């Protein structure tokens, strides 16, 4: 399993554990066997994108594609948030923080009054 896949799986595992969901319960909800989920979390197999999406949905996470040249900026924002003591799942970046209850609203929303369209 490649480094990026390992990082994504680590975030999924951390989210599952933070929500106190057992592997067997998550696997049942997603529609895969507990053994299959265990192999995914241990890095023995690389899950399909469809399986990753199903797992993420159950864990209330969003998988986002980021242009490769933007990855350093996303990681920097995530590191800065961690340094400031803000709670965010490991590797989740600023987008995950904004989705958390009580998080500050986004700095910009499309369609608001005063937008230059």
Protein backbone atom coordinates (compact mmCIF):
# COMPACT_ATOMS: atom_id res chain seq x y z
CA UNK A 1 0.00 0.00 0.00
CA UNK A 2 1.40 3.38 -1.00
CA UNK A 3 2.08 6.26 1.38
CA UNK A 4 -1.03 8.24 0.47
CA UNK A 5 -3.29 5.21 0.82
CA UNK A 6 -1.67 4.39 4.16
CA UNK A 7 -2.31 7.97 5.34
CA UNK A 8 -5.97 7.85 4.26
CA UNK A 9 -6.50 4.49 5.95
CA UNK A 10 -4.86 5.88 9.11
CA UNK A 11 -7.33 8.78 9.14
CA UNK A 12 -10.24 6.38 8.65
CA UNK A 13 -9.02 4.12 11.47
CA UNK A 14 -8.53 7.11 13.80
CA UNK A 15 -12.03 8.38 12.99
CA UNK A 16 -13.52 4.93 13.64
CA UNK A 17 -11.74 4.68 16.98
CA UNK A 18 -12.70 8.26 17.94
CA UNK A 19 -16.35 7.39 17.31
CA UNK A 20 -15.90 4.19 19.33
CA UNK A 21 -17.12 2.01 16.46
CA UNK A 22 -15.93 -1.59 16.35
CA UNK A 23 -14.46 -2.93 13.13
CA UNK A 24 -17.20 -5.55 12.88
CA UNK A 25 -19.97 -2.94 13.19
CA UNK A 26 -18.38 -0.67 10.57
CA UNK A 27 -17.79 -3.58 8.22
CA UNK A 28 -21.41 -4.70 8.55
CA UNK A 29 -22.71 -1.18 7.85
CA UNK A 30 -20.42 -0.76 4.83
CA UNK A 31 -21.26 -4.23 3.49
CA UNK A 32 -17.83 -5.84 3.70
CA UNK A 33 -16.52 -8.59 5.94
CA UNK A 34 -14.79 -7.69 9.21
CA UNK A 35 -11.72 -9.57 7.94
CA UNK A 36 -11.65 -7.37 4.81
CA UNK A 37 -11.84 -4.19 6.91
CA UNK A 38 -9.10 -5.52 9.17
CA UNK A 39 -6.84 -6.14 6.15
CA UNK A 40 -7.56 -2.61 4.90
CA UNK A 41 -6.73 -1.00 8.27
CA UNK A 42 -3.57 -3.08 8.67
CA UNK A 43 -2.33 -2.09 5.20
CA UNK A 44 -2.35 -5.63 3.82
CA UNK A 45 -4.67 -4.65 0.96
CA UNK A 46 -5.50 -1.43 -0.83
CA UNK A 47 -9.23 -0.71 -0.80
CA UNK A 48 -11.12 0.37 -3.89
CA UNK A 49 -12.24 3.99 -4.12
CA UNK A 50 -15.86 2.82 -3.76
CA UNK A 51 -15.04 1.05 -0.48
CA UNK A 52 -13.12 4.08 0.80
CA UNK A 53 -16.10 6.30 0.00
CA UNK A 54 -18.52 3.99 1.80
CA UNK A 55 -16.31 3.83 4.89
CA UNK A 56 -15.83 7.61 4.87
CA UNK A 57 -19.59 8.24 4.60
CA UNK A 58 -20.34 6.01 7.58
CA UNK A 59 -17.66 7.83 9.59
CA UNK A 60 -19.04 11.23 8.50
CA UNK A 61 -15.88 12.09 6.56
CA UNK A 62 -15.40 13.45 3.05
CA UNK A 63 -12.74 12.24 0.64
CA UNK A 64 -11.51 15.15 -1.43
CA UNK A 65 -9.16 15.23 -4.38
CA UNK A 66 -6.55 17.96 -4.06
CA UNK A 67 -4.36 19.01 -6.98
CA UNK A 68 -0.87 17.62 -6.38
CA UNK A 69 0.74 21.09 -6.36
CA UNK A 70 -1.65 22.12 -3.54
CA UNK A 71 -0.78 19.23 -1.23
CA UNK A 72 2.08 21.12 0.52
CA UNK A 73 -0.27 24.03 1.29
CA UNK A 74 -2.95 21.69 2.67
CA UNK A 75 -0.37 19.94 4.85
CA UNK A 76 0.95 23.29 6.08
CA UNK A 77 -2.55 24.36 7.11
CA UNK A 78 -3.05 21.07 8.91
CA UNK A 79 0.30 21.40 10.71
CA UNK A 80 -0.44 25.01 11.67
CA UNK A 81 -3.81 23.96 13.11
CA UNK A 82 -2.17 21.24 15.18
CA UNK A 83 0.49 23.68 16.42
CA UNK A 84 -2.27 26.07 17.54
CA UNK A 85 -3.90 23.31 19.55
CA UNK A 86 -6.96 23.07 17.32
CA UNK A 87 -8.59 19.64 17.24
CA UNK A 88 -8.52 17.88 13.88
CA UNK A 89 -8.14 14.25 12.87
CA UNK A 90 -4.57 13.46 11.82
CA UNK A 91 -3.96 14.38 8.20
CA UNK A 92 -7.47 15.72 7.73
CA UNK A 93 -6.49 19.34 7.06
CA UNK A 94 -8.57 22.50 7.36
CA UNK A 95 -11.64 21.09 5.56
CA UNK A 96 -12.23 18.58 8.35
CA UNK A 97 -11.95 21.27 11.01
CA UNK A 98 -14.64 23.35 9.34
CA UNK A 99 -16.98 20.38 9.33
CA UNK A 100 -16.71 19.96 13.11
CA UNK A 101 -19.53 21.28 15.31
CA UNK A 102 -18.60 24.61 16.83
CA UNK A 103 -15.90 25.28 14.21
CA UNK A 104 -15.63 28.78 12.76
CA UNK A 105 -17.61 29.41 9.58
CA UNK A 106 -15.80 29.40 6.23
CA UNK A 107 -14.19 32.71 5.29
CA UNK A 108 -16.05 32.77 1.99
CA UNK A 109 -19.27 31.26 0.69
CA UNK A 110 -20.51 31.38 -2.86
CA UNK A 111 -23.79 33.12 -3.45
CA UNK A 112 -23.68 35.50 -0.48
CA UNK A 113 -24.60 39.11 -0.76
CA UNK A 114 -21.74 41.21 -2.07
CA UNK A 115 -20.20 38.43 -4.18
CA UNK A 116 -18.61 39.58 -7.40
CA UNK A 117 -20.03 37.09 -9.86
